[in-house]
N, C-alpha and C. Protein backbone atom coordinates (compact mmCIF):
# COMPACT_ATOMS: atom_id res chain seq x y z
N MET A 1 26.72 2.33 -19.89
CA MET A 1 25.70 1.27 -18.83
C MET A 1 26.84 1.20 -17.81
N LYS A 2 26.16 1.85 -16.90
CA LYS A 2 26.92 2.07 -15.75
C LYS A 2 26.84 0.23 -14.83
N ILE A 3 27.53 -0.09 -14.45
CA ILE A 3 28.02 -1.20 -13.39
C ILE A 3 28.18 -0.92 -11.81
N ALA A 4 27.49 -0.95 -11.08
CA ALA A 4 27.37 -0.88 -9.85
C ALA A 4 28.25 -2.43 -8.78
N PHE A 5 28.96 -1.99 -7.76
CA PHE A 5 29.49 -2.89 -6.98
C PHE A 5 30.21 -2.39 -5.90
N GLN A 6 30.49 -2.96 -4.91
CA GLN A 6 31.22 -2.75 -3.97
C GLN A 6 32.75 -2.67 -3.83
N VAL A 7 33.47 -1.76 -3.67
CA VAL A 7 35.42 -1.88 -3.70
C VAL A 7 35.67 -1.50 -1.88
N ASN A 8 36.11 -2.02 -1.72
CA ASN A 8 36.81 -1.91 -0.16
C ASN A 8 35.71 -1.65 0.41
N GLY A 9 34.30 -2.14 0.79
CA GLY A 9 33.25 -1.70 1.39
C GLY A 9 32.19 -0.35 1.04
N LYS A 10 32.97 0.31 -0.03
CA LYS A 10 32.09 1.36 -0.02
C LYS A 10 31.21 1.04 -2.14
N ARG A 11 30.17 1.30 -1.88
CA ARG A 11 29.36 1.09 -2.93
C ARG A 11 30.20 2.15 -4.07
N THR A 12 30.24 1.98 -5.06
CA THR A 12 30.77 2.45 -6.65
C THR A 12 29.70 2.32 -7.92
N SER A 13 29.84 3.12 -8.83
CA SER A 13 29.72 2.48 -10.16
C SER A 13 30.75 3.06 -10.88
N VAL A 14 30.65 2.67 -12.26
CA VAL A 14 31.26 2.96 -13.29
C VAL A 14 30.62 3.12 -14.68
N ASP A 15 31.10 3.47 -15.29
CA ASP A 15 30.37 4.05 -17.00
C ASP A 15 31.39 3.28 -17.88
N VAL A 16 31.62 1.59 -17.92
CA VAL A 16 32.77 1.30 -18.72
C VAL A 16 31.85 0.15 -19.69
N ALA A 17 32.60 -0.16 -20.70
CA ALA A 17 31.91 -1.36 -21.43
C ALA A 17 32.35 -2.82 -20.40
N PRO A 18 31.24 -3.35 -20.18
CA PRO A 18 30.94 -4.79 -19.36
C PRO A 18 32.16 -5.78 -19.39
N ASP A 19 33.05 -5.77 -20.51
CA ASP A 19 34.01 -6.31 -20.70
C ASP A 19 35.35 -6.33 -20.20
N THR A 20 35.32 -4.72 -19.80
CA THR A 20 36.57 -4.52 -19.19
C THR A 20 36.95 -4.80 -18.37
N PRO A 21 38.55 -5.39 -18.22
CA PRO A 21 38.90 -6.10 -16.97
C PRO A 21 38.86 -5.48 -15.92
N LEU A 22 38.42 -6.07 -14.70
CA LEU A 22 38.19 -5.40 -13.34
C LEU A 22 39.85 -4.79 -12.80
N LEU A 23 40.64 -5.04 -13.65
CA LEU A 23 42.05 -4.40 -13.33
C LEU A 23 41.92 -2.89 -13.70
N TRP A 24 41.52 -3.12 -15.02
CA TRP A 24 41.69 -1.48 -15.14
C TRP A 24 40.56 -0.56 -15.06
N VAL A 25 39.42 -1.08 -14.43
CA VAL A 25 38.65 -0.43 -13.73
C VAL A 25 39.01 0.20 -12.77
N LEU A 26 40.04 -0.40 -11.55
CA LEU A 26 40.20 -0.06 -10.22
C LEU A 26 41.56 1.02 -10.46
N ARG A 27 42.86 0.55 -11.70
CA ARG A 27 43.93 1.12 -11.49
C ARG A 27 43.25 2.76 -12.66
N ASP A 28 42.81 2.32 -13.81
CA ASP A 28 42.55 3.72 -14.62
C ASP A 28 41.53 4.46 -14.23
N THR A 29 40.22 4.02 -13.65
CA THR A 29 38.96 4.26 -13.56
C THR A 29 38.67 4.81 -11.83
N LEU A 30 38.94 4.49 -11.29
CA LEU A 30 39.01 4.26 -10.02
C LEU A 30 40.12 5.00 -8.79
N GLY A 31 41.47 4.64 -9.73
CA GLY A 31 42.83 5.37 -9.36
C GLY A 31 42.96 4.49 -8.31
N MET A 32 43.07 3.72 -8.17
CA MET A 32 43.42 2.24 -7.14
C MET A 32 44.42 1.48 -7.62
N THR A 33 45.98 2.02 -7.44
CA THR A 33 47.04 1.68 -8.14
C THR A 33 47.51 0.48 -8.00
N GLY A 34 47.06 -0.09 -6.27
CA GLY A 34 47.98 -1.14 -5.61
C GLY A 34 47.79 -2.71 -6.56
N THR A 35 46.84 -2.51 -7.02
CA THR A 35 46.53 -4.08 -7.39
C THR A 35 47.68 -3.58 -8.99
N LYS A 36 48.23 -4.67 -9.16
CA LYS A 36 49.65 -4.41 -10.49
C LYS A 36 48.80 -5.63 -11.70
N PHE A 37 49.49 -4.84 -12.98
CA PHE A 37 49.54 -5.48 -13.98
C PHE A 37 50.42 -6.58 -13.89
N GLY A 38 50.68 -7.60 -14.23
CA GLY A 38 52.03 -8.57 -14.50
C GLY A 38 51.91 -9.14 -15.94
N CYS A 39 51.22 -10.29 -15.99
CA CYS A 39 51.05 -10.83 -17.41
C CYS A 39 49.80 -10.20 -18.15
N GLY A 40 48.62 -10.16 -17.57
CA GLY A 40 47.46 -10.08 -18.60
C GLY A 40 46.66 -11.39 -18.86
N LYS A 41 47.31 -12.65 -18.13
CA LYS A 41 46.60 -14.09 -18.62
C LYS A 41 46.34 -14.68 -17.56
N ALA A 42 46.04 -14.34 -16.37
CA ALA A 42 46.06 -14.41 -14.96
C ALA A 42 46.96 -16.02 -15.06
N LEU A 43 48.28 -15.86 -15.05
CA LEU A 43 49.45 -16.64 -14.70
C LEU A 43 50.62 -16.19 -13.68
N CYS A 44 50.52 -14.76 -13.29
CA CYS A 44 51.33 -14.75 -12.31
C CYS A 44 50.38 -14.18 -10.85
N GLY A 45 49.30 -13.86 -11.04
CA GLY A 45 48.91 -13.48 -9.80
C GLY A 45 49.38 -11.66 -8.96
N ALA A 46 49.72 -11.19 -9.98
CA ALA A 46 50.23 -9.81 -9.39
C ALA A 46 49.11 -9.05 -9.32
N CYS A 47 47.91 -9.14 -10.16
CA CYS A 47 46.62 -8.92 -10.20
C CYS A 47 45.45 -9.10 -9.00
N THR A 48 46.25 -9.69 -8.45
CA THR A 48 44.94 -10.99 -7.67
C THR A 48 44.28 -9.61 -6.59
N VAL A 49 42.98 -9.79 -6.40
CA VAL A 49 42.00 -9.20 -5.55
C VAL A 49 41.12 -10.01 -5.13
N HIS A 50 40.16 -9.67 -4.05
CA HIS A 50 39.05 -10.54 -3.52
C HIS A 50 37.89 -10.64 -4.24
N LEU A 51 36.86 -11.30 -4.60
CA LEU A 51 35.51 -10.97 -5.07
C LEU A 51 34.98 -12.04 -4.32
N ASN A 52 33.94 -11.20 -3.40
CA ASN A 52 32.97 -12.28 -2.53
C ASN A 52 34.28 -12.77 -1.70
N GLY A 53 35.47 -12.32 -1.41
CA GLY A 53 36.37 -13.33 -0.43
C GLY A 53 37.14 -14.08 -1.09
N MET A 54 37.03 -14.83 -2.29
CA MET A 54 37.70 -15.51 -2.63
C MET A 54 38.83 -14.73 -4.32
N ALA A 55 40.14 -15.26 -4.01
CA ALA A 55 41.22 -14.62 -4.73
C ALA A 55 40.87 -14.76 -6.12
N VAL A 56 41.15 -13.75 -7.04
CA VAL A 56 40.57 -14.05 -8.21
C VAL A 56 41.32 -13.12 -8.94
N ARG A 57 41.78 -13.40 -10.53
CA ARG A 57 42.84 -12.12 -11.18
C ARG A 57 42.08 -11.53 -11.87
N SER A 58 42.74 -10.24 -11.18
CA SER A 58 41.53 -8.74 -11.78
C SER A 58 41.73 -8.78 -13.27
N CYS A 59 42.76 -9.27 -13.95
CA CYS A 59 43.28 -8.81 -15.36
C CYS A 59 41.98 -9.80 -16.35
N GLN A 60 41.63 -11.01 -15.27
CA GLN A 60 41.17 -11.86 -16.60
C GLN A 60 38.94 -11.79 -15.88
N THR A 61 39.09 -10.83 -14.71
CA THR A 61 37.76 -10.84 -14.14
C THR A 61 36.81 -9.91 -15.15
N GLN A 62 36.12 -9.75 -16.44
CA GLN A 62 35.21 -8.93 -16.88
C GLN A 62 34.34 -7.84 -15.54
N ILE A 63 34.22 -6.74 -15.64
CA ILE A 63 33.37 -6.13 -14.66
C ILE A 63 32.06 -6.31 -14.94
N GLY A 64 31.52 -6.53 -16.04
CA GLY A 64 30.44 -6.81 -16.02
C GLY A 64 29.88 -8.04 -15.11
N SER A 65 31.06 -8.90 -14.87
CA SER A 65 30.97 -10.48 -14.04
C SER A 65 30.52 -9.49 -12.40
N VAL A 66 31.21 -8.72 -11.93
CA VAL A 66 31.47 -7.94 -10.46
C VAL A 66 29.99 -7.43 -10.56
N ALA A 67 29.01 -7.21 -10.98
CA ALA A 67 27.76 -6.40 -10.57
C ALA A 67 27.31 -6.57 -9.44
N GLY A 68 26.79 -6.06 -8.49
CA GLY A 68 26.35 -6.36 -7.68
C GLY A 68 27.16 -7.09 -6.30
N GLN A 69 28.14 -7.33 -6.61
CA GLN A 69 29.33 -8.30 -5.75
C GLN A 69 30.66 -7.22 -5.00
N LYS A 70 31.27 -7.69 -4.14
CA LYS A 70 32.10 -7.23 -3.11
C LYS A 70 33.28 -7.58 -3.44
N VAL A 71 34.24 -6.31 -3.76
CA VAL A 71 35.48 -6.61 -4.16
C VAL A 71 36.50 -5.87 -3.12
N THR A 72 37.69 -6.65 -2.90
CA THR A 72 38.31 -5.95 -1.95
C THR A 72 40.22 -6.11 -2.71
N THR A 73 40.62 -5.16 -2.61
CA THR A 73 41.95 -4.78 -2.96
C THR A 73 42.99 -4.65 -2.22
N ILE A 74 44.46 -4.43 -1.97
CA ILE A 74 45.41 -4.61 -1.53
C ILE A 74 44.95 -3.15 -0.27
N GLU A 75 44.56 -2.01 -0.79
CA GLU A 75 44.08 -1.00 -0.25
C GLU A 75 42.76 -1.31 0.63
N GLY A 76 42.33 -2.62 0.23
CA GLY A 76 41.04 -2.36 1.07
C GLY A 76 41.61 -3.31 2.74
N LEU A 77 43.09 -3.73 2.58
CA LEU A 77 43.35 -4.49 3.76
C LEU A 77 43.46 -3.65 5.02
N GLY A 78 43.78 -2.46 4.75
CA GLY A 78 43.98 -0.97 5.26
C GLY A 78 45.13 -0.81 5.87
N GLY A 79 46.21 -1.35 5.74
CA GLY A 79 47.38 -1.67 6.30
C GLY A 79 47.89 -1.81 7.73
N ASN A 80 46.77 -2.72 8.30
CA ASN A 80 47.32 -3.10 9.28
C ASN A 80 46.66 -4.84 9.37
N HIS A 81 46.74 -5.14 8.24
CA HIS A 81 45.67 -6.42 8.19
C HIS A 81 47.55 -7.15 8.72
N ARG A 82 46.62 -8.78 9.58
CA ARG A 82 47.67 -9.57 9.78
C ARG A 82 48.74 -9.88 8.74
N VAL A 83 48.36 -10.09 7.88
CA VAL A 83 49.49 -10.84 6.52
C VAL A 83 50.10 -9.21 6.29
N GLN A 84 49.76 -8.03 6.34
CA GLN A 84 50.72 -7.31 6.02
C GLN A 84 51.41 -7.01 7.10
N ARG A 85 50.97 -7.23 8.32
CA ARG A 85 52.09 -6.92 9.42
C ARG A 85 53.09 -8.40 9.28
N ALA A 86 52.71 -9.41 9.25
CA ALA A 86 53.91 -10.46 8.91
C ALA A 86 54.75 -10.18 7.93
N TRP A 87 54.37 -9.37 7.02
CA TRP A 87 55.03 -9.43 5.64
C TRP A 87 56.48 -8.26 6.06
N MET A 88 55.75 -7.30 7.00
CA MET A 88 56.82 -6.20 7.69
C MET A 88 57.71 -6.75 8.67
N ALA A 89 57.31 -8.01 9.38
CA ALA A 89 58.27 -7.83 10.59
C ALA A 89 59.13 -8.88 9.92
N LEU A 90 58.61 -9.88 8.78
CA LEU A 90 59.97 -10.79 8.10
C LEU A 90 60.41 -9.89 6.77
N ASP A 91 60.31 -8.99 6.53
CA ASP A 91 60.85 -8.34 5.57
C ASP A 91 60.82 -8.82 4.18
N VAL A 92 59.53 -9.35 3.87
CA VAL A 92 59.21 -10.31 2.92
C VAL A 92 59.81 -9.60 1.71
N PRO A 93 59.24 -8.63 1.18
CA PRO A 93 59.74 -8.13 -0.61
C PRO A 93 61.11 -7.52 -0.59
N GLN A 94 61.75 -8.14 -1.92
CA GLN A 94 62.75 -7.56 -2.47
C GLN A 94 62.36 -6.26 -3.54
N CYS A 95 61.93 -6.56 -4.24
CA CYS A 95 61.23 -5.65 -5.49
C CYS A 95 59.81 -5.12 -5.07
N GLY A 96 59.47 -6.16 -4.75
CA GLY A 96 58.12 -5.55 -4.45
C GLY A 96 56.92 -5.54 -4.78
N TYR A 97 57.02 -5.68 -6.06
CA TYR A 97 55.97 -5.67 -7.80
C TYR A 97 54.86 -6.73 -7.38
N CYS A 98 55.36 -7.88 -6.66
CA CYS A 98 54.25 -8.95 -6.55
C CYS A 98 53.48 -9.24 -5.45
N GLN A 99 53.83 -8.23 -4.74
CA GLN A 99 53.38 -7.93 -2.77
C GLN A 99 51.95 -7.93 -2.86
N PRO A 100 51.63 -6.85 -3.26
CA PRO A 100 49.85 -7.15 -3.42
C PRO A 100 49.41 -8.19 -3.68
N GLY A 101 49.85 -8.35 -4.84
CA GLY A 101 48.64 -9.99 -4.91
C GLY A 101 49.33 -11.08 -4.07
N GLN A 102 50.52 -11.62 -3.98
CA GLN A 102 50.79 -12.17 -2.70
C GLN A 102 50.04 -12.20 -1.28
N MET A 103 50.18 -11.02 -1.25
CA MET A 103 49.03 -10.83 0.18
C MET A 103 47.46 -11.12 -0.16
N MET A 104 47.27 -10.58 -1.17
CA MET A 104 46.01 -10.71 -1.31
C MET A 104 45.63 -12.22 -1.45
N SER A 105 46.53 -13.44 -1.91
CA SER A 105 46.05 -14.35 -1.77
C SER A 105 46.53 -15.34 -0.42
N ALA A 106 47.12 -14.74 0.38
CA ALA A 106 47.81 -15.17 0.98
C ALA A 106 46.49 -14.89 2.53
N SER A 107 46.03 -13.82 2.16
CA SER A 107 44.69 -13.66 3.11
C SER A 107 43.33 -14.39 3.17
N ALA A 108 43.42 -14.39 1.93
CA ALA A 108 42.12 -15.40 1.40
C ALA A 108 42.47 -16.86 1.69
N LEU A 109 43.77 -17.29 1.70
CA LEU A 109 44.10 -18.73 2.34
C LEU A 109 43.57 -18.80 3.61
N LEU A 110 44.63 -17.65 4.61
CA LEU A 110 44.14 -17.81 5.74
C LEU A 110 42.57 -17.73 6.41
N ALA A 111 42.08 -17.06 5.01
CA ALA A 111 40.60 -16.94 5.82
C ALA A 111 39.56 -18.03 5.27
N MET A 112 40.19 -19.02 4.65
CA MET A 112 39.75 -20.33 4.41
C MET A 112 40.21 -21.54 5.19
N ASN A 113 41.07 -21.02 5.69
CA ASN A 113 42.57 -22.35 6.78
C ASN A 113 43.31 -21.62 7.24
N LYS A 114 42.67 -21.92 8.70
CA LYS A 114 43.44 -20.72 9.75
C LYS A 114 44.60 -20.95 9.79
N ASN A 115 45.14 -22.39 9.77
CA ASN A 115 46.36 -23.25 10.04
C ASN A 115 47.32 -23.99 8.78
N PRO A 116 47.04 -23.03 7.92
CA PRO A 116 47.89 -24.45 6.64
C PRO A 116 49.38 -24.56 6.60
N SER A 117 49.16 -25.91 6.14
CA SER A 117 50.60 -26.54 6.15
C SER A 117 51.62 -26.06 4.94
N ASP A 118 52.25 -26.50 5.29
CA ASP A 118 53.91 -26.32 4.09
C ASP A 118 52.65 -26.35 2.81
N GLN A 119 52.60 -27.50 2.64
CA GLN A 119 51.85 -28.08 1.39
C GLN A 119 50.99 -27.15 0.84
N ASP A 120 49.51 -26.78 2.06
CA ASP A 120 48.71 -25.94 1.93
C ASP A 120 49.10 -24.87 1.32
N ILE A 121 50.10 -24.02 2.11
CA ILE A 121 50.73 -22.75 1.47
C ILE A 121 51.21 -23.02 0.23
N ASP A 122 52.17 -23.68 -0.14
CA ASP A 122 52.63 -23.82 -1.68
C ASP A 122 51.46 -24.31 -2.76
N ALA A 123 50.31 -25.29 -2.49
CA ALA A 123 49.59 -25.18 -3.49
C ALA A 123 48.62 -24.36 -3.63
N PHE A 124 48.23 -22.98 -2.63
CA PHE A 124 47.27 -22.08 -2.91
C PHE A 124 48.04 -21.25 -3.70
N MET A 125 49.57 -20.73 -3.21
CA MET A 125 49.93 -19.67 -3.62
C MET A 125 50.72 -19.80 -4.56
N SER A 126 50.33 -21.02 -5.84
CA SER A 126 51.45 -21.52 -6.77
C SER A 126 51.02 -20.74 -7.86
N GLY A 127 49.92 -19.90 -7.56
CA GLY A 127 49.46 -18.82 -8.72
C GLY A 127 49.93 -17.82 -8.71
N ASN A 128 51.10 -17.54 -7.89
CA ASN A 128 51.52 -16.24 -7.41
C ASN A 128 53.15 -16.76 -7.78
N ILE A 129 53.76 -15.32 -8.70
CA ILE A 129 54.91 -15.69 -9.33
C ILE A 129 55.48 -14.60 -8.60
N CYS A 130 56.88 -14.80 -7.79
CA CYS A 130 57.94 -13.90 -6.99
C CYS A 130 59.39 -13.89 -7.89
N ARG A 131 59.48 -12.78 -8.91
CA ARG A 131 60.73 -13.12 -10.18
C ARG A 131 61.97 -13.29 -8.63
N CYS A 132 61.81 -11.85 -7.57
CA CYS A 132 62.99 -12.20 -6.59
C CYS A 132 63.07 -13.39 -6.11
N GLY A 133 62.40 -14.44 -5.69
CA GLY A 133 62.38 -15.60 -5.15
C GLY A 133 61.80 -15.74 -3.34
N THR A 134 61.52 -14.75 -3.11
CA THR A 134 61.51 -14.65 -1.63
C THR A 134 59.94 -15.71 -1.39
N TYR A 135 59.71 -16.94 -2.11
CA TYR A 135 58.84 -17.70 -1.46
C TYR A 135 59.49 -18.49 -0.03
N PRO A 136 60.34 -18.32 0.26
CA PRO A 136 60.73 -19.18 1.78
C PRO A 136 60.13 -18.16 3.00
N ARG A 137 59.99 -16.65 2.93
CA ARG A 137 59.98 -15.71 3.57
C ARG A 137 58.37 -15.61 3.18
N ILE A 138 58.04 -15.40 2.32
CA ILE A 138 56.46 -15.63 1.83
C ILE A 138 55.67 -16.72 2.70
N ARG A 139 56.27 -18.01 2.75
CA ARG A 139 55.85 -19.24 3.38
C ARG A 139 55.86 -18.78 4.94
N ALA A 140 57.07 -18.42 5.39
CA ALA A 140 57.02 -18.09 6.86
C ALA A 140 56.01 -16.83 7.57
N ALA A 141 55.70 -15.85 6.50
CA ALA A 141 55.23 -14.91 7.11
C ALA A 141 53.53 -15.35 6.70
N ILE A 142 53.18 -16.02 6.29
CA ILE A 142 52.18 -16.62 6.26
C ILE A 142 52.00 -17.83 7.34
N LYS A 143 52.51 -18.20 7.80
CA LYS A 143 52.70 -19.31 9.17
C LYS A 143 52.55 -18.13 10.35
N ALA A 144 53.44 -16.90 10.55
CA ALA A 144 53.54 -16.21 11.08
C ALA A 144 52.11 -15.32 11.56
N ALA A 145 51.14 -15.17 10.17
CA ALA A 145 50.22 -14.65 10.44
C ALA A 145 48.95 -15.04 10.76
N ALA A 146 49.12 -16.32 10.24
CA ALA A 146 48.12 -17.85 10.87
C ALA A 146 48.08 -17.31 12.89
N LYS A 147 49.29 -17.06 13.27
CA LYS A 147 49.54 -17.11 14.91
C LYS A 147 48.74 -15.53 14.97
N MET A 148 48.61 -14.63 14.25
CA MET A 148 48.15 -13.32 14.76
C MET A 148 46.75 -13.18 15.06
N SER A 149 46.35 -12.31 15.69
CA SER A 149 45.20 -12.47 15.79
C SER A 149 44.73 -10.72 14.81
């Protein structure tokens, strides 16, 4: 059964079981490896992508539920998104594994809240785990990105 949707602004269709996690369609079927596998239970945020602009965990989002919708991955931010620029300017990552999910959550937050407080950031980003503990730099980068155009 073909499932059609948009990924990073391009129409695509895949022939996979409708209960296949979006994460594996992105990584294995479409070869987009920027989205990372972390826990497989939607607890760590490493697999975060946007579905119609909202941050979702792709490990628990079935591809069948994505039919006709818009998915944006870290590759879809284009490498020059204000969140990516802020991340680089503030040298946020250490190991970097969680950072695509962190940036996807941060960009979704900024799309909804142009000037988030520390409490807003902490609440929204609480579902993204960083084993290296770069949370203060992540918060600072989100505040810096909020000031960028």
